Amino acid sequence: MIKGLFKLISTILTFKIFFWVEPDAKKFLKGVSLTILFIILVSYIHAEYLSWSELSGDKTYLSISFIVKNFTIFLSFLFAFFYLKKGKTSKLQTSQKNKIEGEEKIYTEKNKEDYFDKFRGTQKLQSRTEMLLNKKNEKKK
């Protein structure tokens, strides 16, 4: 009972730490778990077909069933790879979709000019105490 409780707590802590370290961990776990479930389902269906084939004595499509099983498992790995890879590129695509029309013109018209050039010629900002001291000096004059 206590060992089971410790295993549950350690599993929960492991997942919490994993989600804290990796922000896209939910998508990763979702992709991996769906792939594993699909592979288990394909293996179960294939095992059922093998048992049916043995009971019925019909072994005509036995070699094709292994090819189909392995090909679907390969496709599931391929799908998982592209699903997980798509998540990393989709952030760039969504940031590009959120751009405002004409925004690129603002930045490309004056590409030789630094953005902070307009602040270089301004007066130095004063703190509150400097402003109070300047007011006192003006009153003394």
N, C-alpha and C. Protein backbone atom coordinates (compact mmCIF):
# COMPACT_ATOMS: atom_id res chain seq x y z
N MET A 1 0.82 -1.19 0.00
CA MET A 1 0.00 0.00 0.00
C MET A 1 0.87 1.27 0.00
N ILE A 2 1.85 1.29 0.89
CA ILE A 2 2.72 2.47 0.99
C ILE A 2 3.62 2.57 -0.23
N LYS A 3 4.10 1.42 -0.75
CA LYS A 3 4.94 1.45 -1.95
C LYS A 3 4.16 1.97 -3.14
N GLY A 4 2.90 1.58 -3.24
CA GLY A 4 2.04 2.07 -4.32
C GLY A 4 1.82 3.57 -4.21
N LEU A 5 1.65 4.06 -3.00
CA LEU A 5 1.48 5.49 -2.78
C LEU A 5 2.74 6.26 -3.16
N PHE A 6 3.90 5.72 -2.79
CA PHE A 6 5.16 6.36 -3.16
C PHE A 6 5.37 6.36 -4.67
N LYS A 7 4.99 5.25 -5.33
CA LYS A 7 5.10 5.21 -6.78
C LYS A 7 4.20 6.25 -7.43
N LEU A 8 2.98 6.40 -6.91
CA LEU A 8 2.05 7.39 -7.44
C LEU A 8 2.59 8.81 -7.25
N ILE A 9 3.10 9.09 -6.07
CA ILE A 9 3.66 10.42 -5.79
C ILE A 9 4.87 10.69 -6.66
N SER A 10 5.74 9.70 -6.81
CA SER A 10 6.94 9.91 -7.64
C SER A 10 6.56 10.08 -9.11
N THR A 11 5.54 9.38 -9.57
CA THR A 11 5.08 9.55 -10.95
C THR A 11 4.51 10.95 -11.15
N ILE A 12 3.70 11.40 -10.22
CA ILE A 12 3.13 12.75 -10.32
C ILE A 12 4.22 13.80 -10.30
N LEU A 13 5.18 13.65 -9.40
CA LEU A 13 6.28 14.62 -9.33
C LEU A 13 7.13 14.60 -10.61
N THR A 14 7.34 13.41 -11.16
CA THR A 14 8.10 13.32 -12.41
C THR A 14 7.40 14.07 -13.52
N PHE A 15 6.09 13.87 -13.65
CA PHE A 15 5.35 14.58 -14.70
C PHE A 15 5.34 16.08 -14.45
N LYS A 16 5.18 16.49 -13.20
CA LYS A 16 5.20 17.93 -12.89
C LYS A 16 6.54 18.55 -13.26
N ILE A 17 7.62 17.88 -12.92
CA ILE A 17 8.96 18.39 -13.25
C ILE A 17 9.16 18.40 -14.75
N PHE A 18 8.68 17.35 -15.43
CA PHE A 18 8.82 17.27 -16.88
C PHE A 18 8.06 18.41 -17.55
N PHE A 19 6.86 18.72 -17.08
CA PHE A 19 6.09 19.82 -17.66
C PHE A 19 6.71 21.16 -17.33
N TRP A 20 7.35 21.27 -16.17
CA TRP A 20 7.99 22.52 -15.80
C TRP A 20 9.22 22.77 -16.66
N VAL A 21 9.98 21.72 -16.94
CA VAL A 21 11.21 21.86 -17.72
C VAL A 21 10.90 22.07 -19.19
N GLU A 22 9.98 21.33 -19.74
CA GLU A 22 9.69 21.37 -21.17
C GLU A 22 8.27 21.90 -21.39
N PRO A 23 8.12 23.12 -21.92
CA PRO A 23 6.78 23.69 -22.09
C PRO A 23 5.92 22.94 -23.11
N ASP A 24 6.53 22.31 -24.11
CA ASP A 24 5.76 21.56 -25.09
C ASP A 24 5.64 20.09 -24.71
N ALA A 25 5.80 19.79 -23.45
CA ALA A 25 5.77 18.39 -23.01
C ALA A 25 4.39 17.78 -23.18
N LYS A 26 3.36 18.58 -23.03
CA LYS A 26 2.00 18.04 -23.19
C LYS A 26 1.80 17.55 -24.61
N LYS A 27 2.26 18.31 -25.57
CA LYS A 27 2.13 17.88 -26.96
C LYS A 27 3.00 16.65 -27.22
N PHE A 28 4.18 16.63 -26.64
CA PHE A 28 5.08 15.49 -26.80
C PHE A 28 4.45 14.22 -26.22
N LEU A 29 3.95 14.32 -24.99
CA LEU A 29 3.33 13.16 -24.37
C LEU A 29 2.08 12.72 -25.11
N LYS A 30 1.32 13.68 -25.62
CA LYS A 30 0.12 13.34 -26.38
C LYS A 30 0.50 12.58 -27.65
N GLY A 31 1.50 13.05 -28.37
CA GLY A 31 1.93 12.38 -29.59
C GLY A 31 2.49 11.01 -29.34
N VAL A 32 3.33 10.89 -28.31
CA VAL A 32 3.94 9.60 -28.00
C VAL A 32 2.90 8.61 -27.50
N SER A 33 2.00 9.06 -26.63
CA SER A 33 0.99 8.15 -26.09
C SER A 33 0.01 7.70 -27.18
N LEU A 34 -0.37 8.60 -28.09
CA LEU A 34 -1.25 8.19 -29.19
C LEU A 34 -0.55 7.19 -30.10
N THR A 35 0.73 7.39 -30.35
CA THR A 35 1.48 6.46 -31.17
C THR A 35 1.57 5.09 -30.51
N ILE A 36 1.86 5.07 -29.22
CA ILE A 36 1.93 3.80 -28.50
C ILE A 36 0.59 3.09 -28.49
N LEU A 37 -0.50 3.84 -28.26
CA LEU A 37 -1.83 3.24 -28.28
C LEU A 37 -2.16 2.67 -29.65
N PHE A 38 -1.79 3.38 -30.70
CA PHE A 38 -2.05 2.90 -32.05
C PHE A 38 -1.26 1.62 -32.34
N ILE A 39 -0.01 1.58 -31.89
CA ILE A 39 0.81 0.38 -32.11
C ILE A 39 0.25 -0.81 -31.33
N ILE A 40 -0.21 -0.55 -30.11
CA ILE A 40 -0.84 -1.63 -29.33
C ILE A 40 -2.11 -2.12 -30.02
N LEU A 41 -2.90 -1.20 -30.55
CA LEU A 41 -4.12 -1.58 -31.26
C LEU A 41 -3.81 -2.41 -32.50
N VAL A 42 -2.83 -2.00 -33.27
CA VAL A 42 -2.44 -2.74 -34.48
C VAL A 42 -1.92 -4.13 -34.10
N SER A 43 -1.13 -4.20 -33.04
CA SER A 43 -0.60 -5.50 -32.60
C SER A 43 -1.73 -6.41 -32.12
N TYR A 44 -2.71 -5.85 -31.42
CA TYR A 44 -3.84 -6.63 -30.96
C TYR A 44 -4.67 -7.16 -32.13
N ILE A 45 -4.95 -6.30 -33.08
CA ILE A 45 -5.71 -6.72 -34.26
C ILE A 45 -4.95 -7.81 -35.02
N HIS A 46 -3.65 -7.66 -35.14
CA HIS A 46 -2.84 -8.65 -35.84
C HIS A 46 -2.83 -9.98 -35.08
N ALA A 47 -2.73 -9.92 -33.75
CA ALA A 47 -2.77 -11.15 -32.95
C ALA A 47 -4.12 -11.85 -33.09
N GLU A 48 -5.19 -11.06 -33.13
CA GLU A 48 -6.52 -11.64 -33.35
C GLU A 48 -6.60 -12.31 -34.72
N TYR A 49 -6.05 -11.66 -35.72
CA TYR A 49 -6.06 -12.25 -37.06
C TYR A 49 -5.25 -13.54 -37.09
N LEU A 50 -4.11 -13.56 -36.40
CA LEU A 50 -3.30 -14.78 -36.37
C LEU A 50 -4.03 -15.93 -35.68
N SER A 51 -4.72 -15.61 -34.58
CA SER A 51 -5.47 -16.67 -33.90
C SER A 51 -6.64 -17.15 -34.76
N TRP A 52 -7.31 -16.24 -35.45
CA TRP A 52 -8.38 -16.64 -36.36
C TRP A 52 -7.83 -17.48 -37.51
N SER A 53 -6.69 -17.09 -38.02
CA SER A 53 -6.06 -17.82 -39.12
C SER A 53 -5.67 -19.24 -38.69
N GLU A 54 -5.20 -19.37 -37.46
CA GLU A 54 -4.83 -20.69 -36.96
C GLU A 54 -6.04 -21.57 -36.74
N LEU A 55 -7.11 -20.96 -36.20
CA LEU A 55 -8.33 -21.74 -35.96
C LEU A 55 -9.03 -22.15 -37.25
N SER A 56 -9.08 -21.25 -38.20
CA SER A 56 -9.78 -21.56 -39.45
C SER A 56 -8.93 -22.35 -40.41
N GLY A 57 -7.64 -22.29 -40.26
CA GLY A 57 -6.75 -23.01 -41.15
C GLY A 57 -6.48 -22.27 -42.44
N ASP A 58 -6.98 -21.05 -42.56
CA ASP A 58 -6.76 -20.23 -43.77
C ASP A 58 -5.50 -19.40 -43.58
N LYS A 59 -4.42 -19.77 -44.23
CA LYS A 59 -3.14 -19.07 -44.08
C LYS A 59 -2.72 -18.40 -45.38
N THR A 60 -3.68 -18.03 -46.21
CA THR A 60 -3.33 -17.45 -47.51
C THR A 60 -2.78 -16.03 -47.39
N TYR A 61 -3.34 -15.26 -46.46
CA TYR A 61 -2.91 -13.86 -46.33
C TYR A 61 -2.01 -13.64 -45.12
N LEU A 62 -1.40 -14.67 -44.64
CA LEU A 62 -0.58 -14.55 -43.43
C LEU A 62 0.64 -13.67 -43.64
N SER A 63 1.34 -13.85 -44.72
CA SER A 63 2.53 -13.03 -44.97
C SER A 63 2.15 -11.57 -45.25
N ILE A 64 1.04 -11.36 -45.93
CA ILE A 64 0.58 -9.99 -46.19
C ILE A 64 0.19 -9.30 -44.89
N SER A 65 -0.36 -10.05 -43.93
CA SER A 65 -0.76 -9.44 -42.66
C SER A 65 0.46 -8.90 -41.90
N PHE A 66 1.58 -9.61 -41.97
CA PHE A 66 2.80 -9.11 -41.32
C PHE A 66 3.32 -7.85 -42.02
N ILE A 67 3.23 -7.84 -43.32
CA ILE A 67 3.67 -6.65 -44.07
C ILE A 67 2.80 -5.46 -43.74
N VAL A 68 1.47 -5.67 -43.70
CA VAL A 68 0.55 -4.58 -43.37
C VAL A 68 0.77 -4.09 -41.95
N LYS A 69 0.96 -5.03 -41.02
CA LYS A 69 1.19 -4.65 -39.62
C LYS A 69 2.45 -3.79 -39.49
N ASN A 70 3.55 -4.25 -40.07
CA ASN A 70 4.80 -3.51 -39.95
C ASN A 70 4.74 -2.18 -40.69
N PHE A 71 4.04 -2.14 -41.80
CA PHE A 71 3.91 -0.89 -42.54
C PHE A 71 3.07 0.13 -41.76
N THR A 72 1.99 -0.32 -41.12
CA THR A 72 1.18 0.62 -40.32
C THR A 72 1.95 1.11 -39.09
N ILE A 73 2.77 0.25 -38.51
CA ILE A 73 3.59 0.69 -37.37
C ILE A 73 4.62 1.72 -37.85
N PHE A 74 5.22 1.48 -38.99
CA PHE A 74 6.16 2.44 -39.55
C PHE A 74 5.46 3.77 -39.84
N LEU A 75 4.25 3.71 -40.40
CA LEU A 75 3.50 4.95 -40.67
C LEU A 75 3.15 5.69 -39.38
N SER A 76 2.86 4.95 -38.32
CA SER A 76 2.54 5.62 -37.05
C SER A 76 3.76 6.35 -36.50
N PHE A 77 4.96 5.72 -36.63
CA PHE A 77 6.17 6.41 -36.21
C PHE A 77 6.44 7.64 -37.07
N LEU A 78 6.20 7.52 -38.34
CA LEU A 78 6.39 8.65 -39.26
C LEU A 78 5.42 9.77 -38.93
N PHE A 79 4.17 9.41 -38.68
CA PHE A 79 3.16 10.41 -38.30
C PHE A 79 3.55 11.11 -37.00
N ALA A 80 4.01 10.34 -36.01
CA ALA A 80 4.42 10.93 -34.73
C ALA A 80 5.60 11.87 -34.92
N PHE A 81 6.55 11.48 -35.76
CA PHE A 81 7.70 12.34 -36.01
C PHE A 81 7.28 13.68 -36.60
N PHE A 82 6.42 13.64 -37.63
CA PHE A 82 5.99 14.90 -38.25
C PHE A 82 5.05 15.69 -37.35
N TYR A 83 4.27 15.00 -36.54
CA TYR A 83 3.38 15.69 -35.60
C TYR A 83 4.20 16.47 -34.57
N LEU A 84 5.25 15.83 -34.07
CA LEU A 84 6.08 16.51 -33.07
C LEU A 84 6.96 17.57 -33.70
N LYS A 85 7.40 17.36 -34.92
CA LYS A 85 8.22 18.35 -35.60
C LYS A 85 7.38 19.57 -35.99
N LYS A 86 6.13 19.34 -36.37
CA LYS A 86 5.24 20.43 -36.76
C LYS A 86 5.02 21.40 -35.61
N GLY A 87 5.03 20.92 -34.41
CA GLY A 87 4.81 21.77 -33.25
C GLY A 87 5.90 22.81 -33.08
N LYS A 88 7.11 22.48 -33.48
CA LYS A 88 8.21 23.44 -33.32
C LYS A 88 8.17 24.50 -34.41
N THR A 89 7.71 24.16 -35.60
CA THR A 89 7.66 25.15 -36.66
C THR A 89 6.37 25.95 -36.63
N SER A 90 5.34 25.43 -35.96
CA SER A 90 4.06 26.13 -35.96
C SER A 90 4.14 27.43 -35.18
N LYS A 91 5.03 27.53 -34.19
CA LYS A 91 5.16 28.78 -33.44
C LYS A 91 5.64 29.90 -34.35
N LEU A 92 6.56 29.59 -35.24
CA LEU A 92 7.03 30.59 -36.18
C LEU A 92 5.92 30.99 -37.15
N GLN A 93 5.16 30.01 -37.59
CA GLN A 93 4.09 30.30 -38.54
C GLN A 93 3.00 31.13 -37.89
N THR A 94 2.66 30.86 -36.63
CA THR A 94 1.61 31.63 -35.98
C THR A 94 2.08 33.05 -35.71
N SER A 95 3.36 33.24 -35.41
CA SER A 95 3.84 34.60 -35.19
C SER A 95 3.84 35.38 -36.50
N GLN A 96 4.07 34.70 -37.62
CA GLN A 96 4.01 35.37 -38.91
C GLN A 96 2.58 35.69 -39.30
N LYS A 97 1.62 34.85 -38.90
CA LYS A 97 0.22 35.10 -39.22
C LYS A 97 -0.32 36.29 -38.44
N ASN A 98 0.21 36.54 -37.25
CA ASN A 98 -0.29 37.60 -36.39
C ASN A 98 0.26 38.97 -36.76
N LYS A 99 1.05 39.06 -37.80
CA LYS A 99 1.60 40.35 -38.19
C LYS A 99 0.50 41.24 -38.76
N ILE A 100 0.66 42.52 -38.54
CA ILE A 100 -0.29 43.50 -39.04
C ILE A 100 0.11 43.88 -40.45
N GLU A 101 -0.92 44.08 -41.29
CA GLU A 101 -0.62 44.46 -42.67
C GLU A 101 0.09 45.81 -42.69
N GLY A 102 1.14 45.91 -43.46
CA GLY A 102 1.91 47.14 -43.57
C GLY A 102 3.00 47.27 -42.53
N GLU A 103 3.03 46.36 -41.58
CA GLU A 103 4.04 46.43 -40.53
C GLU A 103 5.45 46.26 -41.10
N GLU A 104 5.57 45.41 -42.10
CA GLU A 104 6.89 45.19 -42.71
C GLU A 104 7.42 46.45 -43.37
N LYS A 105 6.52 47.27 -43.90
CA LYS A 105 6.95 48.51 -44.56
C LYS A 105 7.63 49.45 -43.57
N ILE A 106 7.14 49.47 -42.35
CA ILE A 106 7.71 50.36 -41.34
C ILE A 106 9.17 50.01 -41.08
N TYR A 107 9.44 48.73 -40.99
CA TYR A 107 10.79 48.30 -40.64
C TYR A 107 11.71 48.24 -41.85
N THR A 108 11.18 48.10 -43.04
CA THR A 108 12.05 47.98 -44.20
C THR A 108 12.32 49.32 -44.88
N GLU A 109 11.50 50.34 -44.63
CA GLU A 109 11.72 51.64 -45.27
C GLU A 109 13.03 52.26 -44.80
N LYS A 110 13.29 52.18 -43.53
CA LYS A 110 14.50 52.80 -42.98
C LYS A 110 15.37 51.71 -42.37
N ASN A 111 15.72 50.74 -43.17
CA ASN A 111 16.48 49.63 -42.62
C ASN A 111 17.91 50.02 -42.25
N LYS A 112 18.44 51.10 -42.81
CA LYS A 112 19.80 51.54 -42.45
C LYS A 112 19.78 52.34 -41.15
N GLU A 113 18.62 52.91 -40.81
CA GLU A 113 18.51 53.72 -39.60
C GLU A 113 18.23 52.81 -38.41
N ASP A 114 18.95 53.04 -37.35
CA ASP A 114 18.73 52.28 -36.14
C ASP A 114 17.45 52.80 -35.47
N TYR A 115 16.70 51.92 -34.84
CA TYR A 115 15.44 52.30 -34.21
C TYR A 115 15.66 53.31 -33.09
N PHE A 116 16.77 53.21 -32.38
CA PHE A 116 17.00 54.07 -31.24
C PHE A 116 17.66 55.40 -31.60
N ASP A 117 17.89 55.66 -32.89
CA ASP A 117 18.48 56.93 -33.30
C ASP A 117 17.61 58.12 -32.88
N LYS A 118 16.32 57.96 -32.90
CA LYS A 118 15.45 59.08 -32.55
C LYS A 118 15.53 59.45 -31.07
N PHE A 119 16.04 58.55 -30.23
CA PHE A 119 16.17 58.84 -28.81
C PHE A 119 17.54 59.39 -28.45
N ARG A 120 18.50 59.28 -29.33
CA ARG A 120 19.86 59.70 -29.00
C ARG A 120 19.99 61.22 -28.88
N GLY A 121 19.22 61.97 -29.61
CA GLY A 121 19.33 63.42 -29.56
C GLY A 121 18.47 64.07 -28.50
N THR A 122 17.69 63.33 -27.76
CA THR A 122 16.79 63.91 -26.76
C THR A 122 17.56 64.23 -25.48
N GLN A 123 16.91 65.04 -24.65
CA GLN A 123 17.53 65.41 -23.38
C GLN A 123 17.55 64.20 -22.45
N LYS A 124 18.46 64.25 -21.51
CA LYS A 124 18.57 63.18 -20.54
C LYS A 124 17.36 63.20 -19.62
N LEU A 125 16.82 62.03 -19.33
CA LEU A 125 15.69 61.94 -18.41
C LEU A 125 16.16 62.22 -17.00
N GLN A 126 15.28 62.86 -16.24
CA GLN A 126 15.63 63.21 -14.88
C GLN A 126 14.79 62.40 -13.91
N SER A 127 15.42 62.08 -12.81
CA SER A 127 14.68 61.38 -11.77
C SER A 127 13.84 62.39 -10.99
N ARG A 128 13.02 61.88 -10.11
CA ARG A 128 12.13 62.76 -9.34
C ARG A 128 12.93 63.69 -8.43
N THR A 129 13.98 63.15 -7.85
CA THR A 129 14.79 63.99 -6.97
C THR A 129 15.51 65.08 -7.74
N GLU A 130 15.98 64.76 -8.97
CA GLU A 130 16.64 65.78 -9.79
C GLU A 130 15.66 66.89 -10.17
N MET A 131 14.43 66.50 -10.48
CA MET A 131 13.43 67.53 -10.81
C MET A 131 13.13 68.42 -9.61
N LEU A 132 13.03 67.83 -8.42
CA LEU A 132 12.79 68.62 -7.21
C LEU A 132 13.95 69.56 -6.91
N LEU A 133 15.17 69.07 -7.11
CA LEU A 133 16.34 69.92 -6.89
C LEU A 133 16.38 71.06 -7.89
N ASN A 134 16.01 70.79 -9.15
CA ASN A 134 15.98 71.86 -10.15
C ASN A 134 14.93 72.91 -9.80
N LYS A 135 13.79 72.50 -9.28
CA LYS A 135 12.74 73.45 -8.88
C LYS A 135 13.22 74.33 -7.72
N LYS A 136 13.94 73.72 -6.77
CA LYS A 136 14.45 74.49 -5.64
C LYS A 136 15.49 75.49 -6.11
N ASN A 137 16.35 75.07 -7.06
CA ASN A 137 17.37 75.98 -7.60
C ASN A 137 16.74 77.11 -8.37
N GLU A 138 15.64 76.85 -9.10
CA GLU A 138 14.96 77.91 -9.83
C GLU A 138 14.31 78.90 -8.89
N LYS A 139 13.79 78.45 -7.77
CA LYS A 139 13.16 79.34 -6.80
C LYS A 139 14.18 80.23 -6.11
N LYS A 140 15.39 79.71 -5.92
CA LYS A 140 16.44 80.49 -5.28
C LYS A 140 16.91 81.61 -6.18
N LYS A 141 16.83 81.41 -7.48
CA LYS A 141 17.30 82.43 -8.41
C LYS A 141 16.35 83.52 -8.49
